[in-house]
């Protein structure tokens, strides 16, 4: 792990923190992740995995929700503090496609998509963002995507912003109206399963970014296993986190 310097910390919404770190990160692909340790001792014992929200030479951004002890300690860091970083790790989103990219995010699943959207636009891909959350307060980074002129299709479960309902409803409507593209999804496992079902119904290629508890992030501990659709298991840290939807659903 390498030490990175905290350059900035911002609570962009209640319970959601954006960290900007400075350090020597190898070239990363959108959809990859890093392991972070923000505490000097072994409490908590393990580092924590986070999607790469954005990256540039010498700069790394991490967007996360404060949920437990590890993320609470991470959220307490201030500019000038050091955080240990391992990465980039895993397999990211495939960029070398020609069809429009349909990004489907649920809640904090928006985290890897800003980096991905920028890369897609660089190679001339059309991008549409489908974003669902519990309520308006859980919708993050909308201004950043709007500044990239990316069409946004928003849903909230309570109807406080956008369409009332689930983000998969928006995706289904889009595809039923002859919308074309390749689906890339990140969010809770039930949402990913529903996205995979919608994509399969419309014969649309889909990739999902899986989330799992990790100990090492390197494929050695075998702790982040997810059942394959056919047989056996895949390891999210080394074979993912991004995998074809049909591999697991």
C-alpha atoms as a PDB file:
ATOM      1  CA  UNK A   1       0.000   0.000   0.000  1.00  0.00           C
ATOM      2  CA  UNK A   2       1.149   3.541  -0.748  1.00  0.00           C
ATOM      3  CA  UNK A   3       0.516   6.672   1.323  1.00  0.00           C
ATOM      4  CA  UNK A   4      -1.776   9.241  -0.303  1.00  0.00           C
ATOM      5  CA  UNK A   5      -2.334  12.753   0.996  1.00  0.00           C
ATOM      6  CA  UNK A   6      -5.851  13.995   1.656  1.00  0.00           C
ATOM      7  CA  UNK A   7      -6.184  17.148  -0.448  1.00  0.00           C
ATOM      8  CA  UNK A   8      -9.867  17.822   0.182  1.00  0.00           C
ATOM      9  CA  UNK A   9     -12.884  16.330   1.919  1.00  0.00           C
ATOM     10  CA  UNK A  10     -16.472  17.324   1.217  1.00  0.00           C
ATOM     11  CA  UNK A  11     -19.732  16.003   2.584  1.00  0.00           C
ATOM     12  CA  UNK A  12     -21.705  16.410  -0.623  1.00  0.00           C
ATOM     13  CA  UNK A  13     -24.949  15.222   1.021  1.00  0.00           C
ATOM     14  CA  UNK A  14     -25.792  14.001   4.522  1.00  0.00           C
ATOM     15  CA  UNK A  15     -23.897  10.742   4.994  1.00  0.00           C
ATOM     16  CA  UNK A  16     -22.024  10.924   1.666  1.00  0.00           C
ATOM     17  CA  UNK A  17     -18.382  12.000   1.466  1.00  0.00           C
ATOM     18  CA  UNK A  18     -16.104  12.872  -1.456  1.00  0.00           C
ATOM     19  CA  UNK A  19     -12.386  12.499  -0.772  1.00  0.00           C
ATOM     20  CA  UNK A  20      -9.712  13.919  -3.047  1.00  0.00           C
ATOM     21  CA  UNK A  21      -6.341  12.233  -2.590  1.00  0.00           C
ATOM     22  CA  UNK A  22      -2.931  13.056  -4.025  1.00  0.00           C
ATOM     23  CA  UNK A  23      -0.495  10.257  -4.752  1.00  0.00           C
ATOM     24  CA  UNK A  24       1.163   8.011  -7.270  1.00  0.00           C
ATOM     25  CA  UNK A  25      -1.634   5.849  -8.715  1.00  0.00           C
ATOM     26  CA  UNK A  26      -0.927   3.620 -11.701  1.00  0.00           C
ATOM     27  CA  UNK A  27      -3.152   4.281 -14.743  1.00  0.00           C
ATOM     28  CA  UNK A  28      -6.643   3.110 -13.834  1.00  0.00           C
ATOM     29  CA  UNK A  29      -9.581   1.898 -15.870  1.00  0.00           C
ATOM     30  CA  UNK A  30     -13.138   2.996 -15.029  1.00  0.00           C
ATOM     31  CA  UNK A  31     -14.820   0.367 -12.916  1.00  0.00           C
ATOM     32  CA  UNK A  32     -11.656  -0.671 -11.105  1.00  0.00           C
ATOM     33  CA  UNK A  33     -11.349  -0.188  -7.348  1.00  0.00           C
ATOM     34  CA  UNK A  34      -8.812   0.555  -4.626  1.00  0.00           C
ATOM     35  CA  UNK A  35      -8.345  -0.737  -1.089  1.00  0.00           C
ATOM     36  CA  UNK A  36      -8.063   2.023   1.536  1.00  0.00           C
ATOM     37  CA  UNK A  37      -6.784   1.952   5.097  1.00  0.00           C
ATOM     38  CA  UNK A  38      -7.297   5.150   7.088  1.00  0.00           C
ATOM     39  CA  UNK A  39      -6.344   3.907  10.542  1.00  0.00           C
ATOM     40  CA  UNK A  40      -2.857   3.195  11.944  1.00  0.00           C
ATOM     41  CA  UNK A  41      -3.556   0.040  13.973  1.00  0.00           C
ATOM     42  CA  UNK A  42      -5.526  -3.131  13.240  1.00  0.00           C
ATOM     43  CA  UNK A  43      -8.933  -1.923  14.383  1.00  0.00           C
ATOM     44  CA  UNK A  44     -10.612  -2.407  11.973  1.00  0.00           C
ATOM     45  CA  UNK A  45      -8.430  -5.288  10.843  1.00  0.00           C
ATOM     46  CA  UNK A  46      -9.068  -5.032   7.115  1.00  0.00           C
ATOM     47  CA  UNK A  47      -8.736  -2.314   4.501  1.00  0.00           C
ATOM     48  CA  UNK A  48     -11.925  -1.311   2.697  1.00  0.00           C
ATOM     49  CA  UNK A  49     -12.660  -1.494  -1.067  1.00  0.00           C
ATOM     50  CA  UNK A  50     -13.948   1.591  -2.922  1.00  0.00           C
ATOM     51  CA  UNK A  51     -14.757   2.310  -6.548  1.00  0.00           C
ATOM     52  CA  UNK A  52     -12.591   4.884  -8.278  1.00  0.00           C
ATOM     53  CA  UNK A  53     -14.874   7.888  -8.638  1.00  0.00           C
ATOM     54  CA  UNK A  54     -12.420   9.855 -10.757  1.00  0.00           C
ATOM     55  CA  UNK A  55      -8.714   9.795 -11.467  1.00  0.00           C
ATOM     56  CA  UNK A  56      -6.040  11.868 -13.120  1.00  0.00           C
ATOM     57  CA  UNK A  57      -2.225  11.818 -12.953  1.00  0.00           C
ATOM     58  CA  UNK A  58      -1.350  12.258  -9.288  1.00  0.00           C
ATOM     59  CA  UNK A  59      -5.004  12.517  -8.209  1.00  0.00           C
ATOM     60  CA  UNK A  60      -7.638  10.073  -6.981  1.00  0.00           C
ATOM     61  CA  UNK A  61     -11.249  10.745  -5.962  1.00  0.00           C
ATOM     62  CA  UNK A  62     -13.340   8.417  -3.821  1.00  0.00           C
ATOM     63  CA  UNK A  63     -17.079   8.832  -3.233  1.00  0.00           C
ATOM     64  CA  UNK A  64     -18.605   6.781  -0.437  1.00  0.00           C
ATOM     65  CA  UNK A  65     -21.490   6.477   1.983  1.00  0.00           C
ATOM     66  CA  UNK A  66     -20.757   6.401   5.711  1.00  0.00           C
ATOM     67  CA  UNK A  67     -22.130   3.030   6.829  1.00  0.00           C
ATOM     68  CA  UNK A  68     -19.881   1.401   9.437  1.00  0.00           C
ATOM     69  CA  UNK A  69     -16.716   1.756  11.467  1.00  0.00           C
ATOM     70  CA  UNK A  70     -14.325   1.783   8.513  1.00  0.00           C
ATOM     71  CA  UNK A  71     -16.157   4.450   6.530  1.00  0.00           C
ATOM     72  CA  UNK A  72     -16.749   6.469   9.714  1.00  0.00           C
ATOM     73  CA  UNK A  73     -13.003   6.607  10.356  1.00  0.00           C
ATOM     74  CA  UNK A  74     -12.358   7.452   6.719  1.00  0.00           C
ATOM     75  CA  UNK A  75     -14.903  10.289   6.858  1.00  0.00           C
ATOM     76  CA  UNK A  76     -13.048  11.780   9.848  1.00  0.00           C
ATOM     77  CA  UNK A  77      -9.894  12.358   7.833  1.00  0.00           C
ATOM     78  CA  UNK A  78      -8.899  15.959   7.161  1.00  0.00           C
ATOM     79  CA  UNK A  79      -6.765  17.685   4.517  1.00  0.00           C
ATOM     80  CA  UNK A  80      -3.143  16.911   5.265  1.00  0.00           C
ATOM     81  CA  UNK A  81      -3.820  13.448   6.678  1.00  0.00           C
ATOM     82  CA  UNK A  82      -2.405  10.320   5.061  1.00  0.00           C
ATOM     83  CA  UNK A  83      -4.379   7.320   3.811  1.00  0.00           C
ATOM     84  CA  UNK A  84      -2.868   4.053   2.589  1.00  0.00           C
ATOM     85  CA  UNK A  85      -4.002   3.035  -0.896  1.00  0.00           C
ATOM     86  CA  UNK A  86      -3.633  -0.230  -2.801  1.00  0.00           C
ATOM     87  CA  UNK A  87      -4.634  -0.319  -6.445  1.00  0.00           C
ATOM     88  CA  UNK A  88      -5.980   0.031  -8.990  1.00  0.00           C
ATOM     89  CA  UNK A  89      -7.425  -3.476  -8.699  1.00  0.00           C
ATOM     90  CA  UNK A  90      -9.829  -5.718 -10.563  1.00  0.00           C
ATOM     91  CA  UNK A  91     -11.394  -5.546 -13.989  1.00  0.00           C
ATOM     92  CA  UNK A  92     -13.204  -2.433 -15.107  1.00  0.00           C
ATOM     93  CA  UNK A  93     -15.898  -1.599 -17.616  1.00  0.00           C
ATOM     94  CA  UNK A  94     -15.145  -2.491 -21.250  1.00  0.00           C
ATOM     95  CA  UNK A  95     -14.904   0.709 -23.262  1.00  0.00           C
ATOM     96  CA  UNK A  96     -14.148  -0.731 -26.702  1.00  0.00           C
ATOM     97  CA  UNK A  97     -17.727  -0.926 -27.954  1.00  0.00           C
ATOM     98  CA  UNK A  98     -19.574   1.140 -30.564  1.00  0.00           C
ATOM     99  CA  UNK A  99     -23.140   1.211 -29.226  1.00  0.00           C
ATOM    100  CA  UNK A 100     -24.507   3.912 -26.910  1.00  0.00           C
ATOM    101  CA  UNK A 101     -23.628   3.329 -23.255  1.00  0.00           C
ATOM    102  CA  UNK A 102     -26.624   3.039 -20.920  1.00  0.00           C
ATOM    103  CA  UNK A 103     -25.317   3.629 -17.386  1.00  0.00           C
ATOM    104  CA  UNK A 104     -27.687   2.365 -14.677  1.00  0.00           C
ATOM    105  CA  UNK A 105     -26.895   3.443 -11.114  1.00  0.00           C
ATOM    106  CA  UNK A 106     -28.663   2.713  -7.851  1.00  0.00           C
ATOM    107  CA  UNK A 107     -27.837   4.913  -4.851  1.00  0.00           C
ATOM    108  CA  UNK A 108     -24.114   5.021  -4.130  1.00  0.00           C
ATOM    109  CA  UNK A 109     -23.709   2.872  -7.253  1.00  0.00           C
ATOM    110  CA  UNK A 110     -23.197   6.191  -9.030  1.00  0.00           C
ATOM    111  CA  UNK A 111     -19.624   6.234  -7.641  1.00  0.00           C
ATOM    112  CA  UNK A 112     -17.721   4.675 -10.595  1.00  0.00           C
ATOM    113  CA  UNK A 113     -19.756   6.281 -13.364  1.00  0.00           C
ATOM    114  CA  UNK A 114     -18.288   9.791 -13.504  1.00  0.00           C
ATOM    115  CA  UNK A 115     -14.851   8.397 -14.388  1.00  0.00           C
ATOM    116  CA  UNK A 116     -16.455   5.966 -16.839  1.00  0.00           C
ATOM    117  CA  UNK A 117     -18.639   8.614 -18.486  1.00  0.00           C
ATOM    118  CA  UNK A 118     -15.644  10.867 -19.100  1.00  0.00           C
ATOM    119  CA  UNK A 119     -13.731   8.017 -20.706  1.00  0.00           C
ATOM    120  CA  UNK A 120     -16.704   7.086 -22.899  1.00  0.00           C
ATOM    121  CA  UNK A 121     -17.090  10.647 -24.125  1.00  0.00           C
ATOM    122  CA  UNK A 122     -13.379  10.789 -24.911  1.00  0.00           C
ATOM    123  CA  UNK A 123     -13.752   7.887 -27.352  1.00  0.00           C
ATOM    124  CA  UNK A 124     -16.931   9.285 -28.907  1.00  0.00           C
ATOM    125  CA  UNK A 125     -19.550   7.068 -27.274  1.00  0.00           C
ATOM    126  CA  UNK A 126     -23.061   8.351 -26.637  1.00  0.00           C
ATOM    127  CA  UNK A 127     -23.933   8.139 -22.931  1.00  0.00           C
ATOM    128  CA  UNK A 128     -27.298   8.059 -21.137  1.00  0.00           C
ATOM    129  CA  UNK A 129     -27.489   7.893 -17.329  1.00  0.00           C
ATOM    130  CA  UNK A 130     -30.347   6.126 -15.557  1.00  0.00           C
ATOM    131  CA  UNK A 131     -30.147   6.939 -11.850  1.00  0.00           C
ATOM    132  CA  UNK A 132     -32.411   5.751  -9.068  1.00  0.00           C
ATOM    133  CA  UNK A 133     -32.344   6.358  -5.320  1.00  0.00           C
ATOM    134  CA  UNK A 134     -34.597   6.289  -2.277  1.00  0.00           C
ATOM    135  CA  UNK A 135     -35.137  10.048  -2.317  1.00  0.00           C
ATOM    136  CA  UNK A 136     -33.795  13.315  -3.684  1.00  0.00           C
ATOM    137  CA  UNK A 137     -31.223  13.548  -0.887  1.00  0.00           C
ATOM    138  CA  UNK A 138     -29.615  10.315  -2.072  1.00  0.00           C
ATOM    139  CA  UNK A 139     -29.037  11.528  -5.640  1.00  0.00           C
ATOM    140  CA  UNK A 140     -25.401  12.517  -6.009  1.00  0.00           C
ATOM    141  CA  UNK A 141     -23.237  14.342  -8.549  1.00  0.00           C
ATOM    142  CA  UNK A 142     -26.079  15.314 -10.878  1.00  0.00           C
ATOM    143  CA  UNK A 143     -24.380  18.610 -11.686  1.00  0.00           C
ATOM    144  CA  UNK A 144     -21.210  16.858 -12.824  1.00  0.00           C
ATOM    145  CA  UNK A 145     -23.116  14.703 -15.301  1.00  0.00           C
ATOM    146  CA  UNK A 146     -25.181  17.662 -16.499  1.00  0.00           C
ATOM    147  CA  UNK A 147     -21.963  19.599 -17.143  1.00  0.00           C
ATOM    148  CA  UNK A 148     -20.927  16.780 -19.491  1.00  0.00           C
ATOM    149  CA  UNK A 149     -24.240  17.159 -21.378  1.00  0.00           C
ATOM    150  CA  UNK A 150     -25.238  13.598 -20.521  1.00  0.00           C
ATOM    151  CA  UNK A 151     -29.008  12.947 -20.678  1.00  0.00           C
ATOM    152  CA  UNK A 152     -30.291  12.048 -17.205  1.00  0.00           C
ATOM    153  CA  UNK A 153     -33.247   9.795 -16.465  1.00  0.00           C
ATOM    154  CA  UNK A 154     -33.985  10.027 -12.751  1.00  0.00           C
ATOM    155  CA  UNK A 155     -36.244   8.035 -10.448  1.00  0.00           C
ATOM    156  CA  UNK A 156     -36.826   8.065  -6.699  1.00  0.00           C
ATOM    157  CA  UNK A 157     -38.768   5.584  -4.643  1.00  0.00           C
ATOM    158  CA  UNK A 158     -40.600   8.355  -2.783  1.00  0.00           C
ATOM    159  CA  UNK A 159     -41.235  10.479  -5.881  1.00  0.00           C
ATOM    160  CA  UNK A 160     -39.305  13.471  -4.512  1.00  0.00           C
ATOM    161  CA  UNK A 161     -37.417  13.907  -7.794  1.00  0.00           C
ATOM    162  CA  UNK A 162     -37.903  12.468 -11.255  1.00  0.00           C
ATOM    163  CA  UNK A 163     -40.246   9.554 -11.854  1.00  0.00           C
ATOM    164  CA  UNK A 164     -41.631   7.726  -8.843  1.00  0.00           C
ATOM    165  CA  UNK A 165     -40.505   4.128  -8.861  1.00  0.00           C
ATOM    166  CA  UNK A 166     -37.432   2.073  -9.641  1.00  0.00           C
ATOM    167  CA  UNK A 167     -34.609   2.863 -12.023  1.00  0.00           C
ATOM    168  CA  UNK A 168     -35.250  -0.433 -13.807  1.00  0.00           C
ATOM    169  CA  UNK A 169     -38.654   0.933 -14.817  1.00  0.00           C
ATOM    170  CA  UNK A 170     -36.903   3.774 -16.642  1.00  0.00           C
ATOM    171  CA  UNK A 171     -34.538   1.371 -18.370  1.00  0.00           C
ATOM    172  CA  UNK A 172     -37.388  -0.889 -19.439  1.00  0.00           C
ATOM    173  CA  UNK A 173     -39.337   2.032 -20.873  1.00  0.00           C
ATOM    174  CA  UNK A 174     -36.289   3.265 -22.782  1.00  0.00           C
ATOM    175  CA  UNK A 175     -35.552  -0.133 -24.301  1.00  0.00           C
ATOM    176  CA  UNK A 176     -39.218  -0.760 -25.113  1.00  0.00           C
ATOM    177  CA  UNK A 177     -39.212   2.431 -27.183  1.00  0.00           C
ATOM    178  CA  UNK A 178     -36.465   0.997 -29.383  1.00  0.00           C
ATOM    179  CA  UNK A 179     -33.686   2.569 -27.366  1.00  0.00           C
ATOM    180  CA  UNK A 180     -30.414   0.912 -28.279  1.00  0.00           C
ATOM    181  CA  UNK A 181     -27.230   0.455 -26.341  1.00  0.00           C
ATOM    182  CA  UNK A 182     -25.122  -1.605 -23.987  1.00  0.00           C
ATOM    183  CA  UNK A 183     -26.084  -1.597 -20.324  1.00  0.00           C
ATOM    184  CA  UNK A 184     -23.560  -0.995 -17.538  1.00  0.00           C
ATOM    185  CA  UNK A 185     -24.993  -1.233 -14.014  1.00  0.00           C
ATOM    186  CA  UNK A 186     -23.749  -0.573 -10.495  1.00  0.00           C
ATOM    187  CA  UNK A 187     -25.830  -0.746  -7.347  1.00  0.00           C
ATOM    188  CA  UNK A 188     -27.393  -3.166  -4.863  1.00  0.00           C
ATOM    189  CA  UNK A 189     -27.506  -6.822  -5.849  1.00  0.00           C
ATOM    190  CA  UNK A 190     -31.343  -6.935  -6.206  1.00  0.00           C
ATOM    191  CA  UNK A 191     -31.139  -3.991  -8.599  1.00  0.00           C
ATOM    192  CA  UNK A 192     -28.399  -5.670 -10.618  1.00  0.00           C
ATOM    193  CA  UNK A 193     -30.506  -8.807 -10.871  1.00  0.00           C
ATOM    194  CA  UNK A 194     -33.472  -6.763 -12.108  1.00  0.00           C
ATOM    195  CA  UNK A 195     -31.291  -4.908 -14.628  1.00  0.00           C
ATOM    196  CA  UNK A 196     -29.985  -8.225 -15.931  1.00  0.00           C
ATOM    197  CA  UNK A 197     -33.557  -9.466 -16.374  1.00  0.00           C
ATOM    198  CA  UNK A 198     -34.575  -6.338 -18.304  1.00  0.00           C
ATOM    199  CA  UNK A 199     -31.491  -6.578 -20.521  1.00  0.00           C
ATOM    200  CA  UNK A 200     -32.136 -10.248 -21.206  1.00  0.00           C
ATOM    201  CA  UNK A 201     -35.775  -9.538 -22.095  1.00  0.00           C
ATOM    202  CA  UNK A 202     -34.685  -6.991 -24.706  1.00  0.00           C
ATOM    203  CA  UNK A 203     -31.713  -9.051 -25.898  1.00  0.00           C
ATOM    204  CA  UNK A 204     -29.335  -6.291 -24.784  1.00  0.00           C
ATOM    205  CA  UNK A 205     -25.753  -6.875 -23.679  1.00  0.00           C
ATOM    206  CA  UNK A 206     -25.215  -5.931 -20.039  1.00  0.00           C
ATOM    207  CA  UNK A 207     -22.300  -5.657 -17.622  1.00  0.00           C
ATOM    208  CA  UNK A 208     -22.697  -5.404 -13.843  1.00  0.00           C
ATOM    209  CA  UNK A 209     -20.313  -4.130 -11.188  1.00  0.00           C
ATOM    210  CA  UNK A 210     -20.529  -6.476  -8.217  1.00  0.00           C
ATOM    211  CA  UNK A 211     -20.000  -5.615  -4.563  1.00  0.00           C
ATOM    212  CA  UNK A 212     -18.658  -8.069  -1.990  1.00  0.00           C
ATOM    213  CA  UNK A 213     -16.860  -8.072   1.345  1.00  0.00           C
ATOM    214  CA  UNK A 214     -13.121  -8.210   0.679  1.00  0.00           C
ATOM    215  CA  UNK A 215     -10.126  -8.974   2.844  1.00  0.00           C
ATOM    216  CA  UNK A 216      -7.175  -8.596   0.469  1.00  0.00           C
ATOM    217  CA  UNK A 217      -8.476  -7.344  -2.884  1.00  0.00           C
ATOM    218  CA  UNK A 218      -5.920  -9.523  -4.670  1.00  0.00           C
ATOM    219  CA  UNK A 219      -7.687 -12.865  -5.053  1.00  0.00           C
ATOM    220  CA  UNK A 220      -5.642 -14.655  -2.391  1.00  0.00           C
ATOM    221  CA  UNK A 221      -8.089 -14.881   0.525  1.00  0.00           C
ATOM    222  CA  UNK A 222     -11.017 -16.181  -1.597  1.00  0.00           C
ATOM    223  CA  UNK A 223     -13.437 -14.255   0.595  1.00  0.00           C
ATOM    224  CA  UNK A 224     -15.301 -12.250  -2.060  1.00  0.00           C
ATOM    225  CA  UNK A 225     -16.947 -15.138  -3.905  1.00  0.00           C
ATOM    226  CA  UNK A 226     -20.194 -14.824  -5.836  1.00  0.00           C
ATOM    227  CA  UNK A 227     -21.997 -17.808  -7.301  1.00  0.00           C
ATOM    228  CA  UNK A 228     -21.760 -18.166 -11.061  1.00  0.00           C
ATOM    229  CA  UNK A 229     -24.965 -18.736 -12.978  1.00  0.00           C
ATOM    230  CA  UNK A 230     -23.772 -22.052 -14.381  1.00  0.00           C
ATOM    231  CA  UNK A 231     -21.594 -23.579 -11.677  1.00  0.00           C
ATOM    232  CA  UNK A 232     -18.876 -22.694  -9.243  1.00  0.00           C
ATOM    233  CA  UNK A 233     -17.919 -19.246  -7.999  1.00  0.00           C
ATOM    234  CA  UNK A 234     -16.121 -16.169  -9.251  1.00  0.00           C
ATOM    235  CA  UNK A 235     -13.935 -13.880  -7.180  1.00  0.00           C
ATOM    236  CA  UNK A 236     -15.153 -10.296  -7.335  1.00  0.00           C
ATOM    237  CA  UNK A 237     -11.750  -8.730  -6.659  1.00  0.00           C
ATOM    238  CA  UNK A 238      -9.840 -10.488  -9.439  1.00  0.00           C
ATOM    239  CA  UNK A 239     -12.456 -11.650 -11.982  1.00  0.00           C
ATOM    240  CA  UNK A 240     -14.594  -8.555 -11.394  1.00  0.00           C
ATOM    241  CA  UNK A 241     -15.883  -6.330 -10.043  1.00  0.00           C
ATOM    242  CA  UNK A 242     -17.264  -5.828 -13.565  1.00  0.00           C
ATOM    243  CA  UNK A 243     -18.559  -9.002 -15.197  1.00  0.00           C
ATOM    244  CA  UNK A 244     -21.050  -9.829 -17.966  1.00  0.00           C
ATOM    245  CA  UNK A 245     -24.506  -9.941 -16.382  1.00  0.00           C
ATOM    246  CA  UNK A 246     -25.155 -13.428 -17.729  1.00  0.00           C
ATOM    247  CA  UNK A 247     -22.195 -14.763 -15.729  1.00  0.00           C
ATOM    248  CA  UNK A 248     -24.051 -14.352 -12.449  1.00  0.00           C
ATOM    249  CA  UNK A 249     -27.730 -13.727 -13.259  1.00  0.00           C
END
